[in-house]
Amino acid sequence: MKLEQAQKIAEEVVKRLSPYCQRIQIAGSIRRQKPQVRDVDIVLIPSDPWNLTHEILGLGLSSVAGGEIRRVNYNGTQVD
């Protein structure tokens, strides 16, 4: 997908998750401003792990959940 589309999705996800985080940042190809982006990468430090997990699972169908990594399909886009 194009960088602009990925940036918009990343900003939506950050907005939803930020109330449960001490710190949250967009990472990966978007941070590096690559013209084509394969997926959306977000790095965060939780302040409210329980509700953060609940919100992440509410984003979309979870394909990976465990340890420190969560992967969801958010409106057709892979978000890690």
PDB file of N, CA and C in Angstrom:
ATOM      1  N   MET A   1       0.839  -1.167   0.000  1.00  0.00           N
ATOM      2  CA  MET A   1       0.000   0.000   0.000  1.00  0.00           C
ATOM      3  C   MET A   1       0.889   1.236   0.000  1.00  0.00           C
ATOM      4  N   LYS A   2       0.333   2.352  -0.358  1.00  0.00           N
ATOM      5  CA  LYS A   2       1.092   3.597  -0.387  1.00  0.00           C
ATOM      6  C   LYS A   2       1.311   4.127   1.029  1.00  0.00           C
ATOM      7  N   LEU A   3       2.394   4.865   1.183  1.00  0.00           N
ATOM      8  CA  LEU A   3       2.769   5.423   2.481  1.00  0.00           C
ATOM      9  C   LEU A   3       1.639   6.238   3.096  1.00  0.00           C
ATOM     10  N   GLU A   4       0.978   7.066   2.323  1.00  0.00           N
ATOM     11  CA  GLU A   4      -0.081   7.930   2.857  1.00  0.00           C
ATOM     12  C   GLU A   4      -1.220   7.116   3.461  1.00  0.00           C
ATOM     13  N   GLN A   5      -1.595   6.037   2.792  1.00  0.00           N
ATOM     14  CA  GLN A   5      -2.669   5.171   3.293  1.00  0.00           C
ATOM     15  C   GLN A   5      -2.234   4.479   4.583  1.00  0.00           C
ATOM     16  N   ALA A   6      -1.013   3.967   4.609  1.00  0.00           N
ATOM     17  CA  ALA A   6      -0.495   3.293   5.801  1.00  0.00           C
ATOM     18  C   ALA A   6      -0.383   4.267   6.968  1.00  0.00           C
ATOM     19  N   GLN A   7       0.049   5.492   6.699  1.00  0.00           N
ATOM     20  CA  GLN A   7       0.172   6.512   7.744  1.00  0.00           C
ATOM     21  C   GLN A   7      -1.189   6.799   8.375  1.00  0.00           C
ATOM     22  N   LYS A   8      -2.216   6.903   7.554  1.00  0.00           N
ATOM     23  CA  LYS A   8      -3.569   7.163   8.062  1.00  0.00           C
ATOM     24  C   LYS A   8      -4.036   6.023   8.973  1.00  0.00           C
ATOM     25  N   ILE A   9      -3.821   4.788   8.550  1.00  0.00           N
ATOM     26  CA  ILE A   9      -4.211   3.632   9.360  1.00  0.00           C
ATOM     27  C   ILE A   9      -3.433   3.624  10.668  1.00  0.00           C
ATOM     28  N   ALA A  10      -2.128   3.864  10.598  1.00  0.00           N
ATOM     29  CA  ALA A  10      -1.294   3.880  11.804  1.00  0.00           C
ATOM     30  C   ALA A  10      -1.777   4.942  12.781  1.00  0.00           C
ATOM     31  N   GLU A  11      -2.116   6.116  12.280  1.00  0.00           N
ATOM     32  CA  GLU A  11      -2.598   7.188  13.153  1.00  0.00           C
ATOM     33  C   GLU A  11      -3.924   6.821  13.814  1.00  0.00           C
ATOM     34  N   GLU A  12      -4.807   6.128  13.087  1.00  0.00           N
ATOM     35  CA  GLU A  12      -6.075   5.661  13.666  1.00  0.00           C
ATOM     36  C   GLU A  12      -5.812   4.689  14.814  1.00  0.00           C
ATOM     37  N   VAL A  13      -4.907   3.740  14.584  1.00  0.00           N
ATOM     38  CA  VAL A  13      -4.593   2.738  15.606  1.00  0.00           C
ATOM     39  C   VAL A  13      -3.944   3.403  16.819  1.00  0.00           C
ATOM     40  N   VAL A  14      -3.002   4.294  16.593  1.00  0.00           N
ATOM     41  CA  VAL A  14      -2.343   4.996  17.701  1.00  0.00           C
ATOM     42  C   VAL A  14      -3.373   5.770  18.520  1.00  0.00           C
ATOM     43  N   LYS A  15      -4.301   6.417  17.867  1.00  0.00           N
ATOM     44  CA  LYS A  15      -5.341   7.173  18.580  1.00  0.00           C
ATOM     45  C   LYS A  15      -6.171   6.259  19.479  1.00  0.00           C
ATOM     46  N   ARG A  16      -6.492   5.063  18.978  1.00  0.00           N
ATOM     47  CA  ARG A  16      -7.295   4.126  19.780  1.00  0.00           C
ATOM     48  C   ARG A  16      -6.519   3.533  20.948  1.00  0.00           C
ATOM     49  N   LEU A  17      -5.212   3.290  20.755  1.00  0.00           N
ATOM     50  CA  LEU A  17      -4.431   2.608  21.786  1.00  0.00           C
ATOM     51  C   LEU A  17      -3.761   3.551  22.777  1.00  0.00           C
ATOM     52  N   SER A  18      -3.546   4.795  22.412  1.00  0.00           N
ATOM     53  CA  SER A  18      -2.762   5.709  23.256  1.00  0.00           C
ATOM     54  C   SER A  18      -3.314   5.911  24.669  1.00  0.00           C
ATOM     55  N   PRO A  19      -4.628   5.852  24.921  1.00  0.00           N
ATOM     56  CA  PRO A  19      -5.087   6.000  26.310  1.00  0.00           C
ATOM     57  C   PRO A  19      -4.567   4.907  27.255  1.00  0.00           C
ATOM     58  N   TYR A  20      -4.092   3.802  26.700  1.00  0.00           N
ATOM     59  CA  TYR A  20      -3.634   2.671  27.506  1.00  0.00           C
ATOM     60  C   TYR A  20      -2.113   2.529  27.501  1.00  0.00           C
ATOM     61  N   CYS A  21      -1.417   3.559  27.006  1.00  0.00           N
ATOM     62  CA  CYS A  21       0.037   3.470  26.830  1.00  0.00           C
ATOM     63  C   CYS A  21       0.775   4.608  27.525  1.00  0.00           C
ATOM     64  N   GLN A  22       1.928   4.258  28.110  1.00  0.00           N
ATOM     65  CA  GLN A  22       2.842   5.286  28.596  1.00  0.00           C
ATOM     66  C   GLN A  22       3.485   5.979  27.406  1.00  0.00           C
ATOM     67  N   ARG A  23       3.793   5.183  26.387  1.00  0.00           N
ATOM     68  CA  ARG A  23       4.452   5.684  25.183  1.00  0.00           C
ATOM     69  C   ARG A  23       4.023   4.818  24.006  1.00  0.00           C
ATOM     70  N   ILE A  24       3.833   5.450  22.852  1.00  0.00           N
ATOM     71  CA  ILE A  24       3.439   4.722  21.651  1.00  0.00           C
ATOM     72  C   ILE A  24       4.020   5.447  20.438  1.00  0.00           C
ATOM     73  N   GLN A  25       4.579   4.661  19.499  1.00  0.00           N
ATOM     74  CA  GLN A  25       5.199   5.240  18.311  1.00  0.00           C
ATOM     75  C   GLN A  25       4.936   4.381  17.090  1.00  0.00           C
ATOM     76  N   ILE A  26       4.790   5.034  15.965  1.00  0.00           N
ATOM     77  CA  ILE A  26       4.728   4.347  14.683  1.00  0.00           C
ATOM     78  C   ILE A  26       6.159   3.966  14.310  1.00  0.00           C
ATOM     79  N   ALA A  27       6.335   2.743  13.835  1.00  0.00           N
ATOM     80  CA  ALA A  27       7.682   2.234  13.544  1.00  0.00           C
ATOM     81  C   ALA A  27       7.733   1.675  12.120  1.00  0.00           C
ATOM     82  N   GLY A  28       8.822   1.006  11.813  1.00  0.00           N
ATOM     83  CA  GLY A  28       8.959   0.278  10.556  1.00  0.00           C
ATOM     84  C   GLY A  28       9.021   1.162   9.323  1.00  0.00           C
ATOM     85  N   SER A  29       8.428   0.670   8.247  1.00  0.00           N
ATOM     86  CA  SER A  29       8.480   1.341   6.944  1.00  0.00           C
ATOM     87  C   SER A  29       7.847   2.722   6.968  1.00  0.00           C
ATOM     88  N   ILE A  30       6.821   2.895   7.791  1.00  0.00           N
ATOM     89  CA  ILE A  30       6.166   4.206   7.874  1.00  0.00           C
ATOM     90  C   ILE A  30       7.116   5.216   8.506  1.00  0.00           C
ATOM     91  N   ARG A  31       7.757   4.848   9.590  1.00  0.00           N
ATOM     92  CA  ARG A  31       8.708   5.747  10.243  1.00  0.00           C
ATOM     93  C   ARG A  31       9.851   6.106   9.298  1.00  0.00           C
ATOM     94  N   ARG A  32      10.266   5.137   8.488  1.00  0.00           N
ATOM     95  CA  ARG A  32      11.363   5.367   7.541  1.00  0.00           C
ATOM     96  C   ARG A  32      10.898   6.058   6.260  1.00  0.00           C
ATOM     97  N   GLN A  33       9.583   6.338   6.164  1.00  0.00           N
ATOM     98  CA  GLN A  33       8.999   7.048   5.020  1.00  0.00           C
ATOM     99  C   GLN A  33       9.224   6.322   3.690  1.00  0.00           C
ATOM    100  N   LYS A  34       9.093   4.997   3.705  1.00  0.00           N
ATOM    101  CA  LYS A  34       9.196   4.210   2.473  1.00  0.00           C
ATOM    102  C   LYS A  34       7.948   4.472   1.619  1.00  0.00           C
ATOM    103  N   PRO A  35       8.077   4.619   0.306  1.00  0.00           N
ATOM    104  CA  PRO A  35       6.913   4.914  -0.533  1.00  0.00           C
ATOM    105  C   PRO A  35       5.885   3.784  -0.561  1.00  0.00           C
ATOM    106  N   GLN A  36       6.337   2.533  -0.418  1.00  0.00           N
ATOM    107  CA  GLN A  36       5.439   1.380  -0.367  1.00  0.00           C
ATOM    108  C   GLN A  36       5.595   0.695   0.985  1.00  0.00           C
ATOM    109  N   VAL A  37       4.470   0.381   1.607  1.00  0.00           N
ATOM    110  CA  VAL A  37       4.462  -0.192   2.952  1.00  0.00           C
ATOM    111  C   VAL A  37       3.717  -1.517   2.908  1.00  0.00           C
ATOM    112  N   ARG A  38       4.302  -2.549   3.503  1.00  0.00           N
ATOM    113  CA  ARG A  38       3.693  -3.887   3.513  1.00  0.00           C
ATOM    114  C   ARG A  38       2.721  -4.053   4.681  1.00  0.00           C
ATOM    115  N   ASP A  39       3.099  -3.509   5.851  1.00  0.00           N
ATOM    116  CA  ASP A  39       2.245  -3.607   7.032  1.00  0.00           C
ATOM    117  C   ASP A  39       2.503  -2.400   7.926  1.00  0.00           C
ATOM    118  N   VAL A  40       1.723  -2.292   8.985  1.00  0.00           N
ATOM    119  CA  VAL A  40       1.844  -1.185   9.931  1.00  0.00           C
ATOM    120  C   VAL A  40       2.489  -1.723  11.202  1.00  0.00           C
ATOM    121  N   ASP A  41       3.587  -1.102  11.607  1.00  0.00           N
ATOM    122  CA  ASP A  41       4.287  -1.498  12.832  1.00  0.00           C
ATOM    123  C   ASP A  41       4.159  -0.389  13.866  1.00  0.00           C
ATOM    124  N   ILE A  42       3.759  -0.778  15.066  1.00  0.00           N
ATOM    125  CA  ILE A  42       3.611   0.162  16.174  1.00  0.00           C
ATOM    126  C   ILE A  42       4.319  -0.429  17.378  1.00  0.00           C
ATOM    127  N   VAL A  43       5.096   0.408  18.054  1.00  0.00           N
ATOM    128  CA  VAL A  43       5.826  -0.005  19.253  1.00  0.00           C
ATOM    129  C   VAL A  43       5.259   0.797  20.415  1.00  0.00           C
ATOM    130  N   LEU A  44       5.043   0.115  21.555  1.00  0.00           N
ATOM    131  CA  LEU A  44       4.442   0.826  22.684  1.00  0.00           C
ATOM    132  C   LEU A  44       4.887   0.260  24.019  1.00  0.00           C
ATOM    133  N   ILE A  45       4.705   1.080  25.039  1.00  0.00           N
ATOM    134  CA  ILE A  45       4.890   0.666  26.431  1.00  0.00           C
ATOM    135  C   ILE A  45       3.528   0.838  27.092  1.00  0.00           C
ATOM    136  N   PRO A  46       2.921  -0.257  27.552  1.00  0.00           N
ATOM    137  CA  PRO A  46       1.570  -0.153  28.116  1.00  0.00           C
ATOM    138  C   PRO A  46       1.559   0.466  29.511  1.00  0.00           C
ATOM    139  N   SER A  47       0.507   1.222  29.787  1.00  0.00           N
ATOM    140  CA  SER A  47       0.263   1.702  31.146  1.00  0.00           C
ATOM    141  C   SER A  47      -0.890   0.921  31.771  1.00  0.00           C
ATOM    142  N   ASP A  48      -1.735   0.344  30.930  1.00  0.00           N
ATOM    143  CA  ASP A  48      -2.901  -0.425  31.368  1.00  0.00           C
ATOM    144  C   ASP A  48      -2.986  -1.686  30.502  1.00  0.00           C
ATOM    145  N   PRO A  49      -2.154  -2.702  30.804  1.00  0.00           N
ATOM    146  CA  PRO A  49      -2.065  -3.885  29.938  1.00  0.00           C
ATOM    147  C   PRO A  49      -3.396  -4.601  29.698  1.00  0.00           C
ATOM    148  N   TRP A  50      -4.217  -4.705  30.717  1.00  0.00           N
ATOM    149  CA  TRP A  50      -5.485  -5.423  30.578  1.00  0.00           C
ATOM    150  C   TRP A  50      -6.384  -4.757  29.536  1.00  0.00           C
ATOM    151  N   ASN A  51      -6.626  -3.463  29.706  1.00  0.00           N
ATOM    152  CA  ASN A  51      -7.492  -2.753  28.768  1.00  0.00           C
ATOM    153  C   ASN A  51      -6.830  -2.559  27.406  1.00  0.00           C
ATOM    154  N   LEU A  52      -5.508  -2.459  27.379  1.00  0.00           N
ATOM    155  CA  LEU A  52      -4.796  -2.371  26.104  1.00  0.00           C
ATOM    156  C   LEU A  52      -5.031  -3.644  25.294  1.00  0.00           C
ATOM    157  N   THR A  53      -4.889  -4.795  25.921  1.00  0.00           N
ATOM    158  CA  THR A  53      -5.119  -6.067  25.231  1.00  0.00           C
ATOM    159  C   THR A  53      -6.547  -6.141  24.716  1.00  0.00           C
ATOM    160  N   HIS A  54      -7.495  -5.731  25.536  1.00  0.00           N
ATOM    161  CA  HIS A  54      -8.903  -5.723  25.130  1.00  0.00           C
ATOM    162  C   HIS A  54      -9.108  -4.822  23.904  1.00  0.00           C
ATOM    163  N   GLU A  55      -8.492  -3.651  23.905  1.00  0.00           N
ATOM    164  CA  GLU A  55      -8.626  -2.720  22.777  1.00  0.00           C
ATOM    165  C   GLU A  55      -7.944  -3.265  21.525  1.00  0.00           C
ATOM    166  N   ILE A  56      -6.768  -3.876  21.676  1.00  0.00           N
ATOM    167  CA  ILE A  56      -6.073  -4.466  20.524  1.00  0.00           C
ATOM    168  C   ILE A  56      -6.939  -5.546  19.892  1.00  0.00           C
ATOM    169  N   LEU A  57      -7.499  -6.412  20.707  1.00  0.00           N
ATOM    170  CA  LEU A  57      -8.349  -7.475  20.172  1.00  0.00           C
ATOM    171  C   LEU A  57      -9.601  -6.901  19.528  1.00  0.00           C
ATOM    172  N   GLY A  58     -10.040  -5.730  19.988  1.00  0.00           N
ATOM    173  CA  GLY A  58     -11.188  -5.062  19.391  1.00  0.00           C
ATOM    174  C   GLY A  58     -10.889  -4.426  18.042  1.00  0.00           C
ATOM    175  N   LEU A  59      -9.615  -4.287  17.709  1.00  0.00           N
ATOM    176  CA  LEU A  59      -9.236  -3.694  16.422  1.00  0.00           C
ATOM    177  C   LEU A  59      -9.601  -4.592  15.251  1.00  0.00           C
ATOM    178  N   GLY A  60      -9.472  -5.895  15.455  1.00  0.00           N
ATOM    179  CA  GLY A  60      -9.749  -6.802  14.344  1.00  0.00           C
ATOM    180  C   GLY A  60      -9.393  -8.223  14.692  1.00  0.00           C
ATOM    181  N   LEU A  61      -9.464  -9.076  13.698  1.00  0.00           N
ATOM    182  CA  LEU A  61      -9.190 -10.497  13.862  1.00  0.00           C
ATOM    183  C   LEU A  61      -7.722 -10.701  14.206  1.00  0.00           C
ATOM    184  N   SER A  62      -7.455 -11.266  15.367  1.00  0.00           N
ATOM    185  CA  SER A  62      -6.083 -11.474  15.826  1.00  0.00           C
ATOM    186  C   SER A  62      -5.528 -12.750  15.222  1.00  0.00           C
ATOM    187  N   SER A  63      -4.347 -12.636  14.595  1.00  0.00           N
ATOM    188  CA  SER A  63      -3.717 -13.827  14.031  1.00  0.00           C
ATOM    189  C   SER A  63      -2.547 -14.295  14.877  1.00  0.00           C
ATOM    190  N   VAL A  64      -1.961 -13.400  15.657  1.00  0.00           N
ATOM    191  CA  VAL A  64      -0.871 -13.749  16.565  1.00  0.00           C
ATOM    192  C   VAL A  64      -1.105 -13.002  17.867  1.00  0.00           C
ATOM    193  N   ALA A  65      -1.096 -13.737  18.965  1.00  0.00           N
ATOM    194  CA  ALA A  65      -1.223 -13.107  20.276  1.00  0.00           C
ATOM    195  C   ALA A  65      -0.420 -13.932  21.257  1.00  0.00           C
ATOM    196  N   GLY A  66       0.519 -13.291  21.894  1.00  0.00           N
ATOM    197  CA  GLY A  66       1.331 -13.994  22.865  1.00  0.00           C
ATOM    198  C   GLY A  66       2.633 -13.264  23.090  1.00  0.00           C
ATOM    199  N   GLY A  67       3.151 -13.391  24.274  1.00  0.00           N
ATOM    200  CA  GLY A  67       4.397 -12.707  24.576  1.00  0.00           C
ATOM    201  C   GLY A  67       4.259 -11.214  24.417  1.00  0.00           C
ATOM    202  N   GLU A  68       5.183 -10.631  23.684  1.00  0.00           N
ATOM    203  CA  GLU A  68       5.198  -9.180  23.524  1.00  0.00           C
ATOM    204  C   GLU A  68       4.690  -8.722  22.165  1.00  0.00           C
ATOM    205  N   ILE A  69       4.232  -9.638  21.329  1.00  0.00           N
ATOM    206  CA  ILE A  69       3.804  -9.276  19.977  1.00  0.00           C
ATOM    207  C   ILE A  69       2.320  -9.577  19.804  1.00  0.00           C
ATOM    208  N   ARG A  70       1.631  -8.625  19.206  1.00  0.00           N
ATOM    209  CA  ARG A  70       0.235  -8.827  18.812  1.00  0.00           C
ATOM    210  C   ARG A  70       0.145  -8.485  17.338  1.00  0.00           C
ATOM    211  N   ARG A  71      -0.590  -9.261  16.589  1.00  0.00           N
ATOM    212  CA  ARG A  71      -0.814  -8.987  15.169  1.00  0.00           C
ATOM    213  C   ARG A  71      -2.305  -9.072  14.922  1.00  0.00           C
ATOM    214  N   VAL A  72      -2.858  -8.034  14.330  1.00  0.00           N
ATOM    215  CA  VAL A  72      -4.279  -8.021  14.006  1.00  0.00           C
ATOM    216  C   VAL A  72      -4.467  -7.585  12.559  1.00  0.00           C
ATOM    217  N   ASN A  73      -5.582  -7.992  12.000  1.00  0.00           N
ATOM    218  CA  ASN A  73      -5.987  -7.529  10.684  1.00  0.00           C
ATOM    219  C   ASN A  73      -6.974  -6.398  10.929  1.00  0.00           C
ATOM    220  N   TYR A  74      -6.543  -5.175  10.677  1.00  0.00           N
ATOM    221  CA  TYR A  74      -7.360  -3.987  10.919  1.00  0.00           C
ATOM    222  C   TYR A  74      -7.841  -3.450   9.579  1.00  0.00           C
ATOM    223  N   ASN A  75      -9.110  -3.643   9.287  1.00  0.00           N
ATOM    224  CA  ASN A  75      -9.695  -3.191   8.021  1.00  0.00           C
ATOM    225  C   ASN A  75      -8.883  -3.664   6.816  1.00  0.00           C
ATOM    226  N   GLY A  76      -8.434  -4.909   6.853  1.00  0.00           N
ATOM    227  CA  GLY A  76      -7.698  -5.484   5.737  1.00  0.00           C
ATOM    228  C   GLY A  76      -6.202  -5.224   5.742  1.00  0.00           C
ATOM    229  N   THR A  77      -5.694  -4.556   6.775  1.00  0.00           N
ATOM    230  CA  THR A  77      -4.269  -4.239   6.867  1.00  0.00           C
ATOM    231  C   THR A  77      -3.663  -4.935   8.070  1.00  0.00           C
ATOM    232  N   GLN A  78      -2.511  -5.581   7.868  1.00  0.00           N
ATOM    233  CA  GLN A  78      -1.810  -6.223   8.980  1.00  0.00           C
ATOM    234  C   GLN A  78      -1.166  -5.157   9.854  1.00  0.00           C
ATOM    235  N   VAL A  79      -1.491  -5.209  11.147  1.00  0.00           N
ATOM    236  CA  VAL A  79      -0.912  -4.287  12.124  1.00  0.00           C
ATOM    237  C   VAL A  79      -0.206  -5.122  13.175  1.00  0.00           C
ATOM    238  N   ASP A  80       1.099  -4.869  13.353  1.00  0.00           N
ATOM    239  CA  ASP A  80       1.900  -5.573  14.358  1.00  0.00           C
ATOM    240  C   ASP A  80       2.217  -4.615  15.488  1.00  0.00           C
TER     241      ASP A  80
END
